Amino acid sequence: MSASTLPACEACGWQGRPRRIRCPRCAGTTWVEAALPDATVMAITQVRRHLGVVVEPPEVICLVVTDDGTTFITRCEDSFEPTTGERVSLTFDDGVVAHRLRKSPRARSGAKRKLGP
């Protein structure tokens, strides 16, 4: 069963695993469950062998940075091979797993977000 939450510091919002007694950013001690932010893929590799056993198909592993700056090493869901710079959504299922980010109907139509006045 996958979840889309991780513990977050109630004071500053920092998220990470493993759960800690004090937040590494602000030293807060109160934790709440918060939704995982979307992330950007920074690096990708494939694992083809586990202790001498060939893995078919190769397992795709990527380094991602979330919108709030937290870095995770993630497995990618089966049949998903991301590219560097691609946006992904994350779930926690026996480790953090990256999934293809579903585009909103507005993004699929090519609409651009207005920036500034």
Protein backbone atom coordinates (compact mmCIF):
# COMPACT_ATOMS: atom_id res chain seq x y z
CA MET A 1 0.00 0.00 0.00
CA SER A 2 1.44 3.34 -0.96
CA ALA A 3 1.13 6.58 0.93
CA SER A 4 1.65 10.14 -0.18
CA THR A 5 2.70 11.51 3.20
CA LEU A 6 5.89 11.73 5.22
CA PRO A 7 6.54 13.22 8.66
CA ALA A 8 7.05 16.99 8.50
CA CYS A 9 8.31 19.43 11.11
CA GLU A 10 5.35 21.42 12.37
CA ALA A 11 7.50 24.55 12.83
CA CYS A 12 9.30 24.81 9.47
CA GLY A 13 7.78 22.08 7.25
CA TRP A 14 11.02 20.11 6.63
CA GLN A 15 10.25 16.53 5.49
CA GLY A 16 12.50 13.51 5.55
CA ARG A 17 13.23 9.96 6.60
CA PRO A 18 14.09 8.46 8.96
CA ARG A 19 11.87 10.10 11.54
CA ARG A 20 14.01 12.18 13.88
CA ILE A 21 13.71 13.48 17.41
CA ARG A 22 14.66 17.01 16.35
CA CYS A 23 14.26 18.74 12.99
CA PRO A 24 17.69 19.22 11.34
CA ARG A 25 16.60 22.61 9.97
CA CYS A 26 15.06 24.35 13.01
CA ALA A 27 15.47 21.87 15.94
CA GLY A 28 11.68 21.60 16.31
CA THR A 29 10.34 18.53 18.12
CA THR A 30 6.73 18.38 16.90
CA TRP A 31 5.99 16.28 13.81
CA VAL A 32 2.85 16.00 11.66
CA GLU A 33 2.01 13.93 8.58
CA ALA A 34 2.19 16.10 5.45
CA ALA A 35 1.74 15.45 1.74
CA LEU A 36 4.87 14.73 -0.25
CA PRO A 37 5.70 17.63 -2.58
CA ASP A 38 6.40 17.07 -6.27
CA ALA A 39 10.05 16.75 -7.26
CA THR A 40 12.54 17.22 -10.10
CA VAL A 41 14.80 14.37 -11.31
CA MET A 42 18.47 15.34 -10.98
CA ALA A 43 20.23 12.05 -11.89
CA ILE A 44 19.27 8.55 -13.08
CA THR A 45 20.92 5.13 -13.02
CA GLN A 46 19.91 1.52 -13.65
CA VAL A 47 20.60 -1.43 -11.36
CA ARG A 48 21.18 -4.56 -13.43
CA ARG A 49 22.53 -6.90 -10.73
CA HIS A 50 21.60 -7.54 -7.10
CA LEU A 51 24.24 -9.67 -5.34
CA GLY A 52 25.19 -11.39 -8.57
CA VAL A 53 21.62 -11.95 -9.77
CA VAL A 54 20.64 -10.30 -13.06
CA VAL A 55 17.56 -8.10 -12.68
CA GLU A 56 15.13 -8.14 -15.60
CA PRO A 57 14.10 -5.53 -16.44
CA PRO A 58 16.76 -3.32 -14.84
CA GLU A 59 15.58 -1.35 -11.82
CA VAL A 60 15.61 2.42 -12.44
CA ILE A 61 16.86 4.57 -9.54
CA CYS A 62 16.87 8.36 -9.55
CA LEU A 63 18.01 11.23 -7.37
CA VAL A 64 15.21 13.77 -6.94
CA VAL A 65 14.94 17.16 -5.24
CA THR A 66 11.51 18.14 -3.93
CA ASP A 67 10.06 21.63 -4.30
CA ASP A 68 11.03 22.38 -0.69
CA GLY A 69 14.67 21.32 -1.28
CA THR A 70 14.68 17.83 0.30
CA THR A 71 16.74 15.28 -1.65
CA PHE A 72 15.68 11.62 -2.01
CA ILE A 73 17.09 8.60 -3.79
CA THR A 74 14.02 6.86 -5.21
CA ARG A 75 13.00 3.80 -7.11
CA CYS A 76 10.94 4.52 -10.20
CA GLU A 77 7.65 2.77 -10.78
CA ASP A 78 7.77 -0.08 -13.29
CA SER A 79 7.61 1.02 -16.94
CA PHE A 80 8.68 4.58 -16.05
CA GLU A 81 12.10 5.76 -17.19
CA PRO A 82 12.40 9.45 -16.34
CA THR A 83 14.78 11.94 -17.90
CA THR A 84 16.96 14.45 -16.06
CA GLY A 85 14.94 17.57 -15.27
CA GLU A 86 11.58 15.77 -15.51
CA ARG A 87 8.97 16.53 -12.85
CA VAL A 88 7.72 13.54 -10.83
CA SER A 89 5.27 12.85 -8.02
CA LEU A 90 6.38 10.76 -5.04
CA THR A 91 4.76 8.10 -2.86
CA PHE A 92 6.14 6.15 0.08
CA ASP A 93 5.83 2.39 -0.49
CA ASP A 94 8.62 0.53 1.36
CA GLY A 95 10.82 3.46 0.33
CA VAL A 96 10.18 6.55 -1.76
CA VAL A 97 8.91 5.78 -5.28
CA ALA A 98 8.83 8.25 -8.20
CA HIS A 99 5.85 8.32 -10.57
CA ARG A 100 5.21 10.21 -13.78
CA LEU A 101 3.65 13.54 -12.83
CA ARG A 102 0.16 13.72 -14.25
CA LYS A 103 -0.39 16.96 -16.12
CA SER A 104 -3.45 19.05 -15.39
CA PRO A 105 -5.95 19.60 -18.25
CA ARG A 106 -4.70 23.20 -18.46
CA ALA A 107 -1.08 22.07 -18.88
CA ARG A 108 -2.04 19.45 -21.49
CA SER A 109 -3.71 22.18 -23.58
CA GLY A 110 -0.45 24.15 -23.61
CA ALA A 111 -1.77 27.05 -21.51
CA LYS A 112 0.96 29.14 -19.94
CA ARG A 113 0.77 30.45 -16.41
CA LYS A 114 0.74 34.24 -16.23
CA LEU A 115 3.63 35.63 -14.25
CA GLY A 116 3.65 39.15 -12.90
CA PRO A 117 1.07 41.93 -13.44
